[in-house]
Amino acid sequence: MPQPNVLIVRAPGTNCDQETAYAFQRAGATTEVLHINRLLESPATFGRFQVLCIPGGFSYGDDVAAGRILANQIQHHLAEELARFKAAGKLILGICNGFQVLIKSGVLLEPDSGLGVPATLTWNDSGRYEDRWVRLHVTGSQCVFLAGIETMYLPVAHAEGKFVPRDESALRSLEAAGQLVLRYTRLRGNGRQPGDTVPFPENPNGSIANTAGVCDPSGRVLGLMPHPERHIDPTQHPRWTRGEAGPTGDGVRVFQNAVEYFK
C-alpha cells in the first residue's frame, strides 16, 4: 500500500486538525478530516483508513477535564471499532489533546482488572498553560512513529500534560515494557544521566519520569504531548534565522514513519 489513508478526527474545540492533515500529506499520505459525529453515525467508516489520528486542541472546551468528553464518546460508543482497528495492525496517533483522549478512553493503556488505567494526564505543576519549546529524547526502538529518531525539538502547548502513573508498580511495569518512549531532556547537554529528574521549564509540566510520550505494547499506538505537526519545516524553528534549524523540521519524521510502515 504505497499511500495510506489517514483519518483525522475533530470535535468542537479541536484546532490542530488542518496542520496535522498537512503534515501527513507532506509525508505522502492521503487524509480526511471528519467530525466525531460522523463516526458515531457510521462506525464502519474506520474500515476505510489505515491510520487514525486525534489531533491537538481543546475538544469540547476541555470541560470536566482535558479530553474527557471525547474520550467518553469513544469509550462508550466506538470501543469495538477501535479494538478491531488495533487488531488489524493499523496505527493510532494522539497529539496533545489527542494523547489525553487516548489515555482516558483506555485505547492507549488498557485498564487493569479492578484498578483502572495505569496512568493519566493531569494539571501542570505550574498550575497554568505552558507554551514553549522542549528537547525530547526517544527511549527504545519499539514505537513505529519514532523509528530512527534519537532526539527532537518540538513545541508544547497545554495545561494538563503532567503524566502521572497510578502507583510505583504501574510506573515500573510501563518502564519495563518499554512503553515510556519519549522523555523531556535538558535543552543543552550537561552530563545528565538517564533517570535524572529534569526540572521546569525543560520538563514543562512535572511529568513523572520526564514522560512526554507513551506507546502501547505493540508500538503501533502513540500518544505524545509535544506537537510534531508544528515543526515540519525549518522555518518553524524559533531560531532558524540564526542557523540553528536543520534541513527539515524535527517533527516530520513522525509522519513519514507512519507512511513508510505501510510500504
Protein backbone atom coordinates (compact mmCIF):
# COMPACT_ATOMS: atom_id res chain seq x y z
CA MET A 1 0.00 0.00 0.00
CA PRO A 2 2.02 2.99 -1.27
CA GLN A 3 -0.27 5.73 0.10
CA PRO A 4 -2.07 5.05 3.38
CA ASN A 5 -5.31 6.85 4.12
CA VAL A 6 -5.30 8.81 7.39
CA LEU A 7 -8.42 9.61 9.39
CA ILE A 8 -8.13 12.79 11.46
CA VAL A 9 -10.94 13.10 13.99
CA ARG A 10 -12.09 16.51 15.13
CA ALA A 11 -14.60 17.63 17.73
CA PRO A 12 -15.85 21.03 18.90
CA GLY A 13 -12.72 22.83 20.10
CA THR A 14 -10.19 20.87 18.06
CA ASN A 15 -7.82 23.37 16.40
CA CYS A 16 -4.86 21.41 15.02
CA ASP A 17 -6.66 19.20 12.51
CA GLN A 18 -5.63 21.09 9.37
CA GLU A 19 -1.97 21.37 10.39
CA THR A 20 -1.90 17.66 11.19
CA ALA A 21 -3.53 16.78 7.87
CA TYR A 22 -0.93 18.88 6.07
CA ALA A 23 1.91 17.12 7.92
CA PHE A 24 0.61 13.70 6.87
CA GLN A 25 0.15 14.91 3.30
CA ARG A 26 3.74 16.20 3.25
CA ALA A 27 4.80 12.71 4.32
CA GLY A 28 2.94 11.13 1.40
CA ALA A 29 -0.42 10.09 2.89
CA THR A 30 -3.94 10.94 1.87
CA THR A 31 -6.05 12.46 4.64
CA GLU A 32 -9.66 13.02 5.57
CA VAL A 33 -10.81 15.19 8.47
CA LEU A 34 -14.09 14.01 9.98
CA HIS A 35 -16.19 15.28 12.86
CA ILE A 36 -16.70 12.76 15.66
CA ASN A 37 -20.46 12.84 14.96
CA ARG A 38 -19.91 11.32 11.51
CA LEU A 39 -18.12 8.36 13.13
CA LEU A 40 -20.82 7.95 15.77
CA GLU A 41 -23.37 7.82 12.94
CA SER A 42 -21.34 5.30 10.94
CA PRO A 43 -18.63 3.48 12.96
CA ALA A 44 -17.82 1.26 9.98
CA THR A 45 -16.13 4.32 8.44
CA PHE A 46 -12.97 3.30 10.31
CA GLY A 47 -12.53 0.45 7.82
CA ARG A 48 -11.53 2.86 5.04
CA PHE A 49 -8.41 4.03 6.88
CA GLN A 50 -5.01 2.71 7.87
CA VAL A 51 -4.05 5.46 10.35
CA LEU A 52 -6.19 7.19 12.96
CA CYS A 53 -5.04 10.50 14.43
CA ILE A 54 -6.67 12.56 17.15
CA PRO A 55 -5.02 15.99 16.92
CA GLY A 56 -4.49 18.78 19.42
CA GLY A 57 -6.82 21.47 20.62
CA PHE A 58 -9.44 21.69 23.33
CA SER A 59 -12.12 19.14 22.47
CA TYR A 60 -15.43 20.22 23.97
CA GLY A 61 -13.59 23.09 25.62
CA ASP A 62 -11.78 20.57 27.89
CA ASP A 63 -14.91 20.68 30.04
CA VAL A 64 -14.79 18.33 33.07
CA ALA A 65 -11.14 17.53 32.23
CA ALA A 66 -8.92 17.75 29.15
CA GLY A 67 -10.12 15.27 26.54
CA ARG A 68 -12.60 13.62 28.91
CA ILE A 69 -15.83 14.11 26.93
CA LEU A 70 -14.37 12.93 23.62
CA ALA A 71 -12.73 10.03 25.47
CA ASN A 72 -16.10 9.04 26.93
CA GLN A 73 -17.71 9.10 23.49
CA ILE A 74 -15.02 6.80 22.16
CA GLN A 75 -15.07 4.52 25.19
CA HIS A 76 -18.85 4.06 25.24
CA HIS A 77 -19.73 4.12 21.54
CA LEU A 78 -16.65 3.26 19.46
CA ALA A 79 -14.63 0.86 21.62
CA GLU A 80 -15.37 -2.19 19.48
CA GLU A 81 -14.42 -0.42 16.26
CA LEU A 82 -11.19 0.85 17.81
CA ALA A 83 -10.35 -2.63 19.07
CA ARG A 84 -10.80 -4.02 15.55
CA PHE A 85 -8.72 -1.17 14.15
CA LYS A 86 -5.85 -2.00 16.52
CA ALA A 87 -6.14 -5.76 15.96
CA ALA A 88 -5.82 -5.22 12.20
CA GLY A 89 -2.29 -3.86 12.70
CA LYS A 90 -3.20 -0.27 11.91
CA LEU A 91 -1.69 2.85 13.52
CA ILE A 92 -3.15 5.30 16.03
CA LEU A 93 -1.62 8.65 16.97
CA GLY A 94 -2.80 11.11 19.62
CA ILE A 95 -1.17 14.54 19.82
CA CYS A 96 -1.62 16.72 22.93
CA ASN A 97 -5.41 16.71 23.41
CA GLY A 98 -5.39 13.51 21.36
CA PHE A 99 -2.97 11.96 23.88
CA GLN A 100 -5.35 12.96 26.67
CA VAL A 101 -8.23 11.35 24.78
CA LEU A 102 -6.36 8.11 24.06
CA ILE A 103 -5.19 7.65 27.61
CA LYS A 104 -8.54 8.50 29.25
CA SER A 105 -10.51 6.29 26.85
CA GLY A 106 -8.33 3.25 27.54
CA VAL A 107 -7.29 2.98 23.88
CA LEU A 108 -3.62 3.62 24.63
CA LEU A 109 -3.19 2.00 28.05
CA GLU A 110 -5.74 -0.72 28.69
CA PRO A 111 -7.31 -0.72 32.16
CA ASP A 112 -6.09 -3.28 34.68
CA SER A 113 -8.76 -5.51 36.14
CA GLY A 114 -10.35 -3.66 39.05
CA LEU A 115 -7.68 -0.96 39.07
CA GLY A 116 -8.47 1.19 36.05
CA VAL A 117 -5.96 2.69 33.65
CA PRO A 118 -2.33 2.58 34.88
CA ALA A 119 -1.68 6.29 34.30
CA THR A 120 -3.32 9.60 33.46
CA LEU A 121 -2.54 13.18 32.45
CA THR A 122 -3.31 15.98 34.88
CA TRP A 123 -2.63 19.65 35.59
CA ASN A 124 0.87 21.01 35.02
CA ASP A 125 2.85 21.59 38.21
CA SER A 126 2.92 25.29 37.35
CA GLY A 127 -0.88 25.38 37.58
CA ARG A 128 -1.12 27.17 34.24
CA TYR A 129 -1.00 26.72 30.49
CA GLU A 130 2.57 26.20 29.23
CA ASP A 131 3.55 27.17 25.69
CA ARG A 132 7.26 26.64 24.99
CA TRP A 133 9.79 24.59 23.02
CA VAL A 134 11.29 21.47 24.60
CA ARG A 135 14.05 18.99 23.86
CA LEU A 136 12.98 15.34 23.66
CA HIS A 137 14.84 12.05 23.78
CA VAL A 138 13.48 8.80 22.29
CA THR A 139 13.80 5.75 24.53
CA GLY A 140 13.83 2.29 22.96
CA SER A 141 13.00 1.29 19.41
CA GLN A 142 9.59 -0.40 19.51
CA CYS A 143 7.42 2.60 18.59
CA VAL A 144 6.60 2.72 14.87
CA PHE A 145 6.17 6.51 14.81
CA LEU A 146 9.58 7.15 16.45
CA ALA A 147 11.68 4.68 14.44
CA GLY A 148 15.15 6.03 13.69
CA ILE A 149 14.65 9.17 15.78
CA GLU A 150 17.00 9.94 18.68
CA THR A 151 16.08 13.48 19.66
CA MET A 152 13.54 16.12 18.67
CA TYR A 153 12.97 19.79 19.38
CA LEU A 154 9.23 20.49 19.44
CA PRO A 155 6.76 22.93 20.97
CA VAL A 156 4.31 22.08 23.75
CA ALA A 157 1.07 23.94 24.42
CA HIS A 158 -1.08 22.51 27.20
CA ALA A 159 -2.37 22.97 30.74
CA GLU A 160 -2.98 19.31 31.61
CA GLY A 161 0.08 17.47 30.38
CA LYS A 162 1.61 16.01 33.53
CA PHE A 163 1.99 12.25 33.16
CA VAL A 164 1.19 10.51 36.43
CA PRO A 165 1.21 6.71 36.86
CA ARG A 166 -1.30 5.16 39.22
CA ASP A 167 1.44 3.98 41.57
CA GLU A 168 5.09 2.95 41.63
CA SER A 169 4.23 -0.54 40.44
CA ALA A 170 2.43 0.81 37.37
CA LEU A 171 5.42 3.04 36.57
CA ARG A 172 7.84 0.12 36.83
CA SER A 173 5.64 -2.01 34.58
CA LEU A 174 5.42 0.67 31.90
CA GLU A 175 9.17 1.26 32.00
CA ALA A 176 9.96 -2.47 31.92
CA ALA A 177 7.69 -2.89 28.89
CA GLY A 178 9.48 -0.05 27.10
CA GLN A 179 6.29 1.99 26.76
CA LEU A 180 7.66 5.31 28.05
CA VAL A 181 9.16 6.06 24.66
CA LEU A 182 9.57 9.84 24.71
CA ARG A 183 11.15 11.87 27.54
CA TYR A 184 11.80 15.53 28.23
CA THR A 185 15.50 16.26 28.49
CA ARG A 186 17.85 19.19 29.01
CA LEU A 187 17.99 21.81 26.28
CA ARG A 188 21.78 21.74 26.48
CA GLY A 189 24.00 18.77 27.29
CA ASN A 190 25.20 18.80 30.89
CA GLY A 191 26.14 15.24 31.72
CA ARG A 192 22.61 14.27 32.71
CA GLN A 193 22.18 10.55 33.27
CA PRO A 194 19.05 8.58 32.26
CA GLY A 195 16.53 8.65 35.08
CA ASP A 196 17.62 12.04 36.45
CA THR A 197 14.78 14.45 37.13
CA VAL A 198 14.57 17.19 34.51
CA PRO A 199 13.41 20.44 36.13
CA PHE A 200 10.97 23.07 34.92
CA PRO A 201 10.86 24.53 32.31
CA GLU A 202 12.65 21.79 30.36
CA ASN A 203 10.12 19.38 31.80
CA PRO A 204 7.24 21.82 31.30
CA ASN A 205 4.59 20.04 33.34
CA GLY A 206 6.38 17.98 36.01
CA SER A 207 5.70 14.64 34.32
CA ILE A 208 6.84 11.63 36.32
CA ALA A 209 9.95 10.03 34.80
CA ASN A 210 10.11 13.04 32.42
CA THR A 211 7.50 11.31 30.27
CA ALA A 212 6.41 13.19 27.15
CA GLY A 213 5.03 10.27 25.14
CA VAL A 214 3.76 6.73 25.69
CA CYS A 215 3.09 3.84 23.32
CA ASP A 216 1.07 0.67 23.68
CA PRO A 217 2.82 -2.74 23.93
CA SER A 218 2.66 -3.23 20.16
CA GLY A 219 4.37 0.10 19.41
CA ARG A 220 1.59 0.98 16.94
CA VAL A 221 -0.36 3.35 19.21
CA LEU A 222 1.41 6.52 20.36
CA GLY A 223 0.30 9.45 22.47
CA LEU A 224 2.55 12.48 23.00
CA MET A 225 2.11 15.95 24.45
CA PRO A 226 4.52 17.88 22.15
CA HIS A 227 3.30 18.93 18.69
CA PRO A 228 5.30 17.35 15.82
CA GLU A 229 2.95 18.93 13.26
CA ARG A 230 4.18 22.37 14.36
CA HIS A 231 7.76 21.65 13.35
CA ILE A 232 7.80 20.08 9.92
CA ASP A 233 9.55 22.95 8.15
CA PRO A 234 12.92 24.51 9.12
CA THR A 235 11.41 27.99 9.24
CA GLN A 236 9.13 26.91 12.10
CA HIS A 237 12.19 26.59 14.35
CA PRO A 238 12.19 29.63 16.68
CA ARG A 239 15.84 30.38 15.83
CA TRP A 240 16.02 29.38 12.19
CA THR A 241 17.34 32.80 11.17
CA ARG A 242 20.35 32.15 13.42
CA GLY A 243 21.18 28.97 11.55
CA GLU A 244 20.01 26.58 14.28
CA ALA A 245 17.39 24.77 12.20
CA GLY A 246 18.10 21.56 10.31
CA PRO A 247 17.21 20.78 6.69
CA THR A 248 13.70 19.72 7.78
CA GLY A 249 11.62 20.22 10.89
CA ASP A 250 12.17 17.62 13.60
CA GLY A 251 8.53 16.53 13.65
CA VAL A 252 8.27 15.49 10.00
CA ARG A 253 9.87 12.11 10.63
CA VAL A 254 6.98 11.08 12.90
CA PHE A 255 4.57 11.32 9.97
CA GLN A 256 6.99 9.81 7.46
CA ASN A 257 7.41 6.77 9.70
CA ALA A 258 3.65 6.22 9.69
CA VAL A 259 3.57 6.31 5.89
CA GLU A 260 6.64 4.09 5.48
CA TYR A 261 5.17 1.47 7.82
CA PHE A 262 2.68 0.51 5.10
CA LYS A 263 5.17 0.24 2.24
